[in-house]
Amino acid sequence: MPMDPVGRFLAALDPHHREAVSGTPREEQERLAAAWERELEADTELDSLDELSPSAAEAEAARRVLDRENG
């Protein structure tokens, strides 16, 4: 499992979005990964989901970040 935030964020994405985000500049990937980490830390619903399935919580947070970006 990747240890850096960008690698963890990319791993949480579905394959289609992972490919799209991987094609963006590293700075953009870092910005999205930081937003993803904030989402994981701030959302109490994700805390409950994280207890049941950490990977599902990470995937949901990644989906939310991309949804906000695509507006």
C-alpha atoms as a PDB file:
ATOM      1  CA  MET A   1       0.000   0.000   0.000  1.00  0.00           C
ATOM      2  CA  PRO A   2       1.358   3.445  -0.905  1.00  0.00           C
ATOM      3  CA  MET A   3       2.462   5.522   2.065  1.00  0.00           C
ATOM      4  CA  ASP A   4       2.541   9.023   0.575  1.00  0.00           C
ATOM      5  CA  PRO A   5      -0.744  10.996   0.471  1.00  0.00           C
ATOM      6  CA  VAL A   6      -0.875  11.163  -3.334  1.00  0.00           C
ATOM      7  CA  GLY A   7      -0.339   7.423  -3.672  1.00  0.00           C
ATOM      8  CA  ARG A   8      -2.991   6.687  -1.054  1.00  0.00           C
ATOM      9  CA  PHE A   9      -5.419   9.082  -2.752  1.00  0.00           C
ATOM     10  CA  LEU A  10      -4.836   7.518  -6.156  1.00  0.00           C
ATOM     11  CA  ALA A  11      -5.328   4.039  -4.670  1.00  0.00           C
ATOM     12  CA  ALA A  12      -8.688   5.147  -3.230  1.00  0.00           C
ATOM     13  CA  LEU A  13      -9.993   6.267  -6.629  1.00  0.00           C
ATOM     14  CA  ASP A  14     -11.893   4.054  -9.040  1.00  0.00           C
ATOM     15  CA  PRO A  15      -9.802   3.051 -12.085  1.00  0.00           C
ATOM     16  CA  HIS A  16     -11.330   5.651 -14.437  1.00  0.00           C
ATOM     17  CA  HIS A  17     -10.703   8.569 -12.077  1.00  0.00           C
ATOM     18  CA  ARG A  18      -7.296   7.210 -11.070  1.00  0.00           C
ATOM     19  CA  GLU A  19      -6.197   7.334 -14.701  1.00  0.00           C
ATOM     20  CA  ALA A  20      -7.548  10.867 -15.149  1.00  0.00           C
ATOM     21  CA  VAL A  21      -5.934  12.221 -11.966  1.00  0.00           C
ATOM     22  CA  SER A  22      -2.659  10.442 -12.717  1.00  0.00           C
ATOM     23  CA  GLY A  23      -2.476  12.471 -15.920  1.00  0.00           C
ATOM     24  CA  THR A  24      -2.607  15.799 -14.092  1.00  0.00           C
ATOM     25  CA  PRO A  25       0.480  17.697 -12.891  1.00  0.00           C
ATOM     26  CA  ARG A  26       1.976  16.554  -9.574  1.00  0.00           C
ATOM     27  CA  GLU A  27       0.956  19.832  -7.895  1.00  0.00           C
ATOM     28  CA  GLU A  28      -2.695  19.169  -8.762  1.00  0.00           C
ATOM     29  CA  GLN A  29      -2.431  15.610  -7.460  1.00  0.00           C
ATOM     30  CA  GLU A  30      -0.964  16.936  -4.206  1.00  0.00           C
ATOM     31  CA  ARG A  31      -3.738  19.520  -3.888  1.00  0.00           C
ATOM     32  CA  LEU A  32      -6.426  16.863  -4.398  1.00  0.00           C
ATOM     33  CA  ALA A  33      -4.694  14.493  -1.971  1.00  0.00           C
ATOM     34  CA  ALA A  34      -4.611  17.234   0.677  1.00  0.00           C
ATOM     35  CA  ALA A  35      -8.332  17.901   0.160  1.00  0.00           C
ATOM     36  CA  TRP A  36      -8.960  14.163   0.443  1.00  0.00           C
ATOM     37  CA  GLU A  37      -7.076  13.969   3.733  1.00  0.00           C
ATOM     38  CA  ARG A  38      -9.063  16.933   5.088  1.00  0.00           C
ATOM     39  CA  GLU A  39     -12.283  15.201   4.035  1.00  0.00           C
ATOM     40  CA  LEU A  40     -11.274  12.036   5.877  1.00  0.00           C
ATOM     41  CA  GLU A  41     -10.389  13.985   9.016  1.00  0.00           C
ATOM     42  CA  ALA A  42     -13.430  16.271   9.081  1.00  0.00           C
ATOM     43  CA  ASP A  43     -16.403  14.058   8.204  1.00  0.00           C
ATOM     44  CA  THR A  44     -17.874  12.183  11.144  1.00  0.00           C
ATOM     45  CA  GLU A  45     -19.909   9.896   8.871  1.00  0.00           C
ATOM     46  CA  LEU A  46     -16.662   8.695   7.348  1.00  0.00           C
ATOM     47  CA  ASP A  47     -15.361   7.942  10.847  1.00  0.00           C
ATOM     48  CA  SER A  48     -18.160   5.405  11.304  1.00  0.00           C
ATOM     49  CA  LEU A  49     -17.600   3.943   7.850  1.00  0.00           C
ATOM     50  CA  ASP A  50     -13.858   3.800   8.526  1.00  0.00           C
ATOM     51  CA  GLU A  51     -14.484   1.543  11.508  1.00  0.00           C
ATOM     52  CA  LEU A  52     -16.337  -0.897   9.252  1.00  0.00           C
ATOM     53  CA  SER A  53     -14.234  -0.562   6.104  1.00  0.00           C
ATOM     54  CA  PRO A  54     -11.278   1.796   5.904  1.00  0.00           C
ATOM     55  CA  SER A  55     -10.976   1.363   2.140  1.00  0.00           C
ATOM     56  CA  ALA A  56     -14.665   2.218   1.640  1.00  0.00           C
ATOM     57  CA  ALA A  57     -14.263   5.382   3.709  1.00  0.00           C
ATOM     58  CA  GLU A  58     -11.216   6.404   1.672  1.00  0.00           C
ATOM     59  CA  ALA A  59     -13.040   5.727  -1.595  1.00  0.00           C
ATOM     60  CA  GLU A  60     -16.080   7.747  -0.469  1.00  0.00           C
ATOM     61  CA  ALA A  61     -13.876  10.681   0.566  1.00  0.00           C
ATOM     62  CA  ALA A  62     -12.082  10.545  -2.802  1.00  0.00           C
ATOM     63  CA  ARG A  63     -15.417  10.523  -4.641  1.00  0.00           C
ATOM     64  CA  ARG A  64     -16.598  13.559  -2.656  1.00  0.00           C
ATOM     65  CA  VAL A  65     -13.412  15.509  -3.405  1.00  0.00           C
ATOM     66  CA  LEU A  66     -13.712  14.839  -7.144  1.00  0.00           C
ATOM     67  CA  ASP A  67     -17.439  15.663  -7.099  1.00  0.00           C
ATOM     68  CA  ARG A  68     -16.641  19.063  -5.554  1.00  0.00           C
ATOM     69  CA  GLU A  69     -13.896  19.647  -8.120  1.00  0.00           C
ATOM     70  CA  ASN A  70     -16.224  18.830 -11.008  1.00  0.00           C
ATOM     71  CA  GLY A  71     -18.882  20.910  -9.429  1.00  0.00           C
END
